[in-house]
Protein backbone atom coordinates (compact mmCIF):
# COMPACT_ATOMS: atom_id res chain seq x y z
CA MET A 1 25.36 8.22 68.91
CA LEU A 2 25.37 8.95 72.19
CA VAL A 3 28.91 10.14 74.20
CA THR A 4 28.89 10.69 77.82
CA GLN A 5 31.62 12.07 79.83
CA ALA A 6 32.66 9.82 83.38
CA ILE A 7 34.38 11.90 86.04
CA GLN A 8 36.41 10.65 88.77
CA VAL A 9 36.87 13.24 92.12
CA ARG A 10 38.85 11.99 93.66
CA GLY A 11 40.49 13.62 97.17
CA LEU A 12 37.32 14.33 99.01
CA THR A 13 36.63 13.43 102.56
CA ALA A 14 33.26 10.97 103.12
CA GLU A 15 32.39 14.19 104.56
CA GLN A 16 32.56 15.62 101.28
CA TYR A 17 31.33 13.49 99.07
CA GLU A 18 28.01 13.36 100.35
CA ILE A 19 27.79 17.17 100.30
CA LEU A 20 28.34 16.89 96.85
CA ARG A 21 25.87 13.81 96.31
CA TYR A 22 23.70 15.76 97.71
CA GLN A 23 24.02 18.89 95.77
CA CYS A 24 23.81 16.50 92.58
CA ARG A 25 20.45 14.68 93.32
CA LEU A 26 19.14 18.45 94.00
CA ALA A 27 19.86 19.76 91.66
CA LYS A 28 18.52 16.58 89.01
CA ASN A 29 15.50 16.99 91.22
CA MET A 30 15.20 20.53 89.81
CA TYR A 31 15.68 19.74 86.37
CA ASN A 32 12.80 17.53 86.58
CA VAL A 33 10.71 19.55 88.08
CA GLY A 34 11.08 22.45 85.13
CA LEU A 35 11.49 19.79 82.19
CA TYR A 36 7.52 18.34 83.92
CA THR A 37 5.90 22.50 84.53
CA VAL A 38 7.54 22.29 80.68
CA ARG A 39 5.58 19.63 79.39
CA GLN A 40 2.05 19.54 81.94
CA PHE A 41 2.30 23.60 80.32
CA PHE A 42 2.37 22.72 76.81
CA PHE A 43 -0.05 19.89 77.41
CA ALA A 44 -2.63 22.46 78.73
CA GLU A 45 -1.50 25.76 76.14
CA ASN A 46 -0.48 23.53 73.36
CA ARG A 47 2.73 26.44 73.38
CA PHE A 48 6.26 26.60 75.36
CA LEU A 49 6.38 28.60 78.48
CA ALA A 50 9.94 30.11 78.31
CA TYR A 51 12.78 30.53 80.73
CA GLU A 52 11.82 33.43 82.08
CA SER A 53 8.05 32.16 82.64
CA ASN A 54 9.43 28.35 84.28
CA TYR A 55 10.98 30.31 86.89
CA HIS A 56 8.19 31.92 89.03
CA HIS A 57 6.43 28.08 88.63
CA CYS A 58 9.38 26.40 90.30
CA LYS A 59 10.89 28.68 92.58
CA ASP A 60 8.43 27.44 95.66
CA ASN A 61 10.34 23.98 94.63
CA GLU A 62 11.70 22.53 98.06
CA ASN A 63 14.50 20.81 96.55
CA TYR A 64 14.67 25.33 94.90
CA GLY A 65 15.39 26.59 98.28
CA LEU A 66 17.68 23.88 99.03
CA LEU A 67 19.96 23.23 96.22
CA TYR A 68 23.12 26.77 96.94
CA SER A 69 22.07 29.84 95.12
CA GLN A 70 24.94 29.52 91.95
CA VAL A 71 23.55 26.31 91.43
CA ALA A 72 19.85 27.69 92.13
């Protein structure tokens, strides 16, 4: 059984909404970059890539540079 939770953010201006939407897209992209790196490493080496090592592979990605430092 899958459960999801929807959160509605109210009271934002159009500019704040676009910034939030853009940051969410960058975070999604960064997650996909990390997942892709882990999968490719597993297929090549047949072992799991640790979080600490994955950071060094993904920090050069443009999405990482565009995210706020706390999110990245």
